[in-house]
């Protein structure tokens, strides 16, 4: 891989995170955790990030407003929603 290829990959990665650049730190943390894990519920996100559930709810709502996450109902428990990073 040449230096130009590395720069191109870095620029593509930077552009990927552009929709959440101006969001609060909690939303960025939730997005990064979703980047490492395919799908998580709100309670799983709270456990992974060590953030209070209310903060995770706020972060998810901000990410949904920015179209950075997709939410769907869980197949195993229809009361829960599963979140996936969409950027």
Protein backbone atom coordinates (compact mmCIF):
# COMPACT_ATOMS: atom_id res chain seq x y z
CA UNK A 1 0.00 0.00 0.00
CA UNK A 2 1.51 3.31 -1.04
CA UNK A 3 1.35 6.61 0.83
CA UNK A 4 -1.32 7.89 -1.60
CA UNK A 5 -3.51 4.87 -0.90
CA UNK A 6 -3.17 5.46 2.84
CA UNK A 7 -4.18 9.12 2.46
CA UNK A 8 -7.20 8.11 0.33
CA UNK A 9 -8.32 5.60 2.98
CA UNK A 10 -7.92 8.21 5.75
CA UNK A 11 -9.95 10.78 3.80
CA UNK A 12 -12.73 8.27 3.11
CA UNK A 13 -12.81 7.37 6.81
CA UNK A 14 -12.93 11.05 7.81
CA UNK A 15 -15.82 11.73 5.43
CA UNK A 16 -17.71 8.79 6.90
CA UNK A 17 -17.86 10.46 10.33
CA UNK A 18 -18.86 13.89 8.98
CA UNK A 19 -22.61 13.59 9.91
CA UNK A 20 -21.75 13.20 13.61
CA UNK A 21 -18.82 15.60 13.85
CA UNK A 22 -20.89 18.32 15.58
CA UNK A 23 -22.83 16.00 17.89
CA UNK A 24 -22.19 15.74 21.65
CA UNK A 25 -19.41 13.44 22.93
CA UNK A 26 -21.95 10.90 24.20
CA UNK A 27 -23.38 10.49 20.69
CA UNK A 28 -19.88 10.04 19.26
CA UNK A 29 -19.10 7.39 21.88
CA UNK A 30 -22.33 5.51 21.13
CA UNK A 31 -21.56 5.68 17.40
CA UNK A 32 -18.04 4.33 17.94
CA UNK A 33 -19.33 1.46 20.09
CA UNK A 34 -21.89 0.63 17.38
CA UNK A 35 -19.04 0.74 14.85
CA UNK A 36 -17.23 -2.02 16.77
CA UNK A 37 -20.41 -4.05 17.42
CA UNK A 38 -22.89 -4.81 14.67
CA UNK A 39 -26.15 -4.35 16.55
CA UNK A 40 -26.92 -3.48 20.16
CA UNK A 41 -29.97 -2.63 22.23
CA UNK A 42 -30.17 0.51 24.32
CA UNK A 43 -29.41 -1.38 27.52
CA UNK A 44 -26.41 -3.10 25.89
CA UNK A 45 -25.15 0.30 24.74
CA UNK A 46 -25.48 1.64 28.27
CA UNK A 47 -23.46 -1.29 29.60
CA UNK A 48 -20.77 -0.99 26.91
CA UNK A 49 -20.35 2.78 27.17
CA UNK A 50 -20.83 3.02 30.95
CA UNK A 51 -23.21 5.94 30.28
CA UNK A 52 -26.53 6.34 32.10
CA UNK A 53 -29.55 5.01 30.16
CA UNK A 54 -30.97 8.53 29.84
CA UNK A 55 -27.74 9.76 28.20
CA UNK A 56 -27.76 6.80 25.81
CA UNK A 57 -31.38 7.63 24.88
CA UNK A 58 -30.40 11.23 24.18
CA UNK A 59 -27.36 10.15 22.14
CA UNK A 60 -29.44 7.73 20.09
CA UNK A 61 -32.06 10.38 19.37
CA UNK A 62 -29.35 12.77 18.16
CA UNK A 63 -27.82 10.03 16.01
CA UNK A 64 -31.24 9.17 14.56
CA UNK A 65 -31.81 12.85 13.73
CA UNK A 66 -28.47 12.84 11.87
CA UNK A 67 -29.44 9.61 10.03
CA UNK A 68 -26.36 7.93 11.50
CA UNK A 69 -28.15 4.94 13.04
CA UNK A 70 -30.87 2.57 11.96
CA UNK A 71 -33.33 1.26 14.54
CA UNK A 72 -35.50 -1.81 14.17
CA UNK A 73 -37.48 -4.02 16.51
CA UNK A 74 -35.68 -7.02 17.98
CA UNK A 75 -36.77 -10.40 16.66
CA UNK A 76 -36.14 -12.03 20.03
CA UNK A 77 -37.99 -9.40 22.09
CA UNK A 78 -40.41 -7.11 20.25
CA UNK A 79 -40.38 -4.66 23.18
CA UNK A 80 -36.75 -3.78 22.45
CA UNK A 81 -35.19 -1.89 19.57
CA UNK A 82 -31.87 -2.87 18.03
CA UNK A 83 -29.56 -0.13 16.76
CA UNK A 84 -27.05 -0.35 13.91
CA UNK A 85 -24.63 2.29 12.66
CA UNK A 86 -25.61 3.37 9.14
CA UNK A 87 -22.71 5.62 8.19
